[in-house]
Amino acid sequence: MAERVLVVEDDAAVRRMLERSLGAEGFDVAGAADGGAALAATESTVPDLVVLDVAMPGLDGFEVCRRLRAKGLTGGVLMLTARDSVADRVRGLEAGADDYVVKPFAIAEVVARLRALTRRGSDRSERLAHGDIVLDTATGTVTSGAGRPVQLTARESQLLELLLRDPRAVLSRDAAIERIWGGAATDNIVDRYVARLRRKLADPEAIRTVRGVGFILAP
């Protein structure tokens, strides 16, 4: 089955070009002209991938991404931006984006990055466990204790996976940023994602802070 891609771009010419080009590459493509339309579109059909412009009137791409993640979207989000500063990239990652492409872009790069995001969620199927925490790496689903399964975003799943692969070792912020964000993030982004994981695990003590170093799973 073709991956469903939602293209959110207020420039009609760019949006149509992306729709045609991605459709020709085998994606099932829908378009939205602004942030409000994007949020409405995801109410009826949840996309596997989102191509999201940052600079839009009304709701910008950062806010749309935050709201999509808050609604439970777990698919990959690729942001389009004309700004290539570290601050802008960090802001996008903190909003929940998985990757970004700088305008003007080559469609081949967009396609390659979307396919990489697709592979990220399907390359391996593995269950990692520590205590009563169980993570399915293929689906990004985690269970803890007697709680029901909870869906994680790609970044949340990657962070929990790093902790689970060596549960007796402290995961430093620098190591997490390098492995998950390719070095393009600030220290506090790891703390934010740890806070999200604690909420989803419904256990604030499940991941412990090692002051000045990083994080470790509770024994």
Protein backbone atom coordinates (compact mmCIF):
# COMPACT_ATOMS: atom_id res chain seq x y z
CA MET A 1 0.00 0.00 0.00
CA ALA A 2 1.31 3.46 -0.92
CA GLU A 3 2.26 5.76 1.93
CA ARG A 4 -0.23 8.58 2.46
CA VAL A 5 1.49 11.97 2.29
CA LEU A 6 -0.11 15.26 3.27
CA VAL A 7 1.57 18.27 1.64
CA VAL A 8 0.94 21.50 3.58
CA GLU A 9 2.11 24.51 1.58
CA ASP A 10 0.45 27.90 1.08
CA ASP A 11 2.25 28.56 -2.23
CA ALA A 12 -0.12 26.94 -4.72
CA ALA A 13 2.53 26.42 -7.41
CA VAL A 14 4.92 24.69 -4.99
CA ARG A 15 2.09 22.61 -3.52
CA ARG A 16 0.94 21.41 -6.95
CA MET A 17 4.52 20.60 -7.96
CA LEU A 18 5.01 18.52 -4.81
CA GLU A 19 1.68 16.75 -5.28
CA ARG A 20 2.49 15.83 -8.88
CA SER A 21 6.08 14.83 -8.18
CA LEU A 22 5.35 12.74 -5.10
CA GLY A 23 2.39 11.12 -6.83
CA ALA A 24 4.67 10.13 -9.69
CA GLU A 25 6.99 8.50 -7.13
CA GLY A 26 4.18 6.26 -5.90
CA PHE A 27 2.96 8.17 -2.86
CA ASP A 28 -0.75 8.69 -2.18
CA VAL A 29 -0.76 12.49 -1.95
CA ALA A 30 -3.24 15.02 -0.55
CA GLY A 31 -2.71 18.77 -0.26
CA ALA A 32 -3.62 21.49 2.22
CA ALA A 33 -3.23 25.21 1.59
CA ASP A 34 -2.72 26.27 5.21
CA GLY A 35 -2.41 25.03 8.76
CA GLY A 36 -6.12 25.01 9.48
CA ALA A 37 -6.82 22.92 6.40
CA ALA A 38 -4.04 20.53 7.40
CA LEU A 39 -5.52 19.97 10.86
CA ALA A 40 -8.97 19.44 9.35
CA ALA A 41 -7.60 16.96 6.78
CA THR A 42 -6.04 14.79 9.48
CA GLU A 43 -9.39 14.45 11.24
CA SER A 44 -10.70 12.22 8.45
CA THR A 45 -7.52 10.57 7.14
CA VAL A 46 -4.35 10.18 9.17
CA PRO A 47 -1.30 10.54 6.90
CA ASP A 48 1.76 8.34 7.14
CA LEU A 49 3.99 11.32 6.31
CA VAL A 50 3.59 15.10 6.34
CA VAL A 51 5.51 17.61 4.23
CA LEU A 52 5.03 20.85 6.13
CA ASP A 53 6.00 24.38 5.14
CA VAL A 54 7.21 26.52 8.01
CA ALA A 55 6.28 30.04 6.82
CA MET A 56 2.50 30.11 6.42
CA PRO A 57 -0.04 32.79 7.34
CA GLY A 58 -2.12 32.11 10.42
CA LEU A 59 -0.82 28.88 11.94
CA ASP A 60 2.82 28.47 11.00
CA GLY A 61 4.44 25.09 10.45
CA PHE A 62 5.84 24.92 13.98
CA GLU A 63 2.40 25.32 15.55
CA VAL A 64 0.79 22.90 13.09
CA CYS A 65 3.43 20.30 13.91
CA ARG A 66 2.89 20.73 17.64
CA ARG A 67 -0.87 20.34 17.25
CA LEU A 68 -0.54 17.28 15.01
CA ARG A 69 1.73 15.61 17.57
CA ALA A 70 -0.65 16.57 20.38
CA LYS A 71 -3.46 14.90 18.41
CA GLY A 72 -1.45 11.69 18.28
CA LEU A 73 0.18 11.83 14.84
CA THR A 74 3.12 9.43 14.87
CA GLY A 75 4.11 9.51 11.20
CA GLY A 76 7.19 11.30 9.91
CA VAL A 77 7.09 15.09 9.56
CA LEU A 78 9.41 16.72 7.02
CA MET A 79 9.53 20.50 7.32
CA LEU A 80 10.24 22.88 4.44
CA THR A 81 12.01 26.07 5.42
CA ALA A 82 13.77 28.97 3.77
CA ARG A 83 15.77 29.54 6.95
CA ASP A 84 18.77 27.34 7.70
CA SER A 85 19.83 28.67 11.09
CA VAL A 86 20.48 26.25 13.94
CA ALA A 87 17.81 28.04 16.00
CA ASP A 88 15.15 27.40 13.35
CA ARG A 89 16.15 23.75 12.98
CA VAL A 90 16.06 23.28 16.75
CA ARG A 91 12.65 24.95 16.94
CA GLY A 92 11.31 22.56 14.32
CA LEU A 93 12.73 19.51 16.10
CA GLU A 94 11.32 20.67 19.41
CA ALA A 95 7.90 21.04 17.77
CA GLY A 96 8.06 17.37 16.83
CA ALA A 97 9.48 17.40 13.30
CA ASP A 98 11.67 14.50 12.20
CA ASP A 99 13.65 16.14 9.40
CA TYR A 100 13.83 19.30 7.32
CA VAL A 101 14.69 20.45 3.80
CA VAL A 102 15.86 23.97 2.99
CA LYS A 103 14.24 25.90 0.13
CA PRO A 104 14.93 25.93 -2.75
CA PHE A 105 15.04 22.15 -2.76
CA ALA A 106 15.41 19.36 -5.29
CA ILE A 107 12.41 17.04 -5.40
CA ALA A 108 14.81 14.08 -5.36
CA GLU A 109 15.98 15.15 -1.89
CA VAL A 110 12.40 15.42 -0.62
CA VAL A 111 11.63 11.93 -1.94
CA ALA A 112 14.81 10.48 -0.43
CA ARG A 113 14.11 11.98 2.98
CA LEU A 114 10.49 10.79 2.97
CA ARG A 115 11.59 7.27 2.11
CA ALA A 116 14.18 7.41 4.89
CA LEU A 117 11.44 8.39 7.36
CA THR A 118 9.33 5.48 6.13
CA ARG A 119 12.20 3.03 6.56
CA ARG A 120 12.90 4.35 10.04
CA GLY A 121 9.61 2.90 11.23
CA SER A 122 9.67 -0.36 9.28
CA ASP A 123 13.24 -1.60 8.96
CA ARG A 124 13.21 -3.75 12.06
CA SER A 125 10.68 -5.38 14.30
CA GLU A 126 11.93 -5.91 17.84
CA ARG A 127 10.53 -5.89 21.34
CA LEU A 128 12.75 -4.35 24.01
CA ALA A 129 11.88 -4.70 27.67
CA HIS A 130 13.13 -3.53 31.05
CA GLY A 131 11.05 -4.19 34.13
CA ASP A 132 7.45 -3.61 33.11
CA ILE A 133 8.34 -1.30 30.17
CA VAL A 134 7.98 -2.99 26.79
CA LEU A 135 8.69 -1.18 23.50
CA ASP A 136 7.79 -2.48 20.05
CA THR A 137 10.40 -0.74 17.88
CA ALA A 138 8.51 -1.42 14.64
CA THR A 139 5.27 0.23 15.71
CA GLY A 140 6.57 2.68 18.31
CA THR A 141 4.10 1.27 20.84
CA VAL A 142 5.03 1.12 24.53
CA THR A 143 3.33 -0.51 27.49
CA SER A 144 4.17 -0.02 31.13
CA GLY A 145 2.76 -1.91 34.11
CA ALA A 146 -0.94 -2.62 33.75
CA GLY A 147 -1.46 0.37 31.47
CA ARG A 148 -2.80 0.14 27.94
CA PRO A 149 -0.40 0.42 24.98
CA VAL A 150 0.55 4.01 24.11
CA GLN A 151 1.81 5.19 20.73
CA LEU A 152 5.08 7.11 20.67
CA THR A 153 6.34 9.53 18.04
CA ALA A 154 9.44 8.53 16.09
CA ARG A 155 11.74 10.66 18.29
CA GLU A 156 10.16 9.44 21.53
CA SER A 157 10.53 5.85 20.37
CA GLN A 158 14.18 6.39 19.42
CA LEU A 159 14.98 7.93 22.81
CA LEU A 160 13.30 5.14 24.76
CA GLU A 161 15.03 2.58 22.55
CA LEU A 162 18.45 4.06 23.41
CA LEU A 163 17.63 3.80 27.10
CA LEU A 164 16.31 0.25 26.79
CA ARG A 165 19.28 -1.07 24.81
CA ASP A 166 21.60 -0.44 27.75
CA PRO A 167 19.32 0.06 30.76
CA ARG A 168 22.14 0.01 33.32
CA ALA A 169 24.10 2.77 31.60
CA VAL A 170 23.52 6.51 31.81
CA LEU A 171 22.51 8.02 28.47
CA SER A 172 24.15 11.44 28.17
CA ARG A 173 22.36 14.35 26.56
CA ASP A 174 25.17 14.73 24.03
CA ALA A 175 24.91 11.07 22.98
CA ALA A 176 21.13 11.30 22.60
CA ILE A 177 21.36 14.49 20.54
CA GLU A 178 24.00 12.99 18.27
CA ARG A 179 22.17 9.69 17.74
CA ILE A 180 18.63 11.05 17.36
CA TRP A 181 18.94 14.64 16.17
CA GLY A 182 22.22 14.41 14.28
CA GLY A 183 23.78 16.95 16.62
CA ALA A 184 21.35 19.72 15.57
CA ALA A 185 19.64 20.39 18.89
CA THR A 186 20.16 21.96 22.29
CA ASP A 187 20.61 20.08 25.57
CA ASN A 188 17.11 20.85 26.87
CA ILE A 189 15.41 19.05 23.98
CA VAL A 190 16.39 15.74 25.59
CA ASP A 191 14.85 16.84 28.89
CA ARG A 192 11.64 17.75 27.07
CA TYR A 193 11.40 14.37 25.40
CA VAL A 194 12.16 12.58 28.67
CA ALA A 195 9.29 14.52 30.24
CA ARG A 196 7.00 13.36 27.41
CA LEU A 197 8.05 9.75 27.92
CA ARG A 198 7.43 9.96 31.66
CA ARG A 199 3.89 11.22 30.98
CA LYS A 200 3.18 8.50 28.44
CA LEU A 201 4.59 5.81 30.72
CA ALA A 202 2.42 7.27 33.51
CA ASP A 203 5.40 6.93 35.84
CA PRO A 204 7.59 9.97 36.62
CA GLU A 205 10.17 7.67 38.25
CA ALA A 206 10.53 5.33 35.24
CA ILE A 207 13.37 7.45 33.81
CA ARG A 208 15.72 8.95 36.37
CA THR A 209 17.85 12.05 35.95
CA VAL A 210 21.54 11.76 36.73
CA ARG A 211 22.42 15.36 37.51
CA GLY A 212 24.96 16.86 35.17
CA VAL A 213 25.21 13.67 33.11
CA GLY A 214 21.98 12.43 31.57
CA PHE A 215 19.27 9.82 32.12
CA ILE A 216 18.92 6.17 33.11
CA LEU A 217 16.01 3.77 33.48
CA ALA A 218 14.92 2.96 37.02
CA PRO A 219 16.25 -0.41 38.20
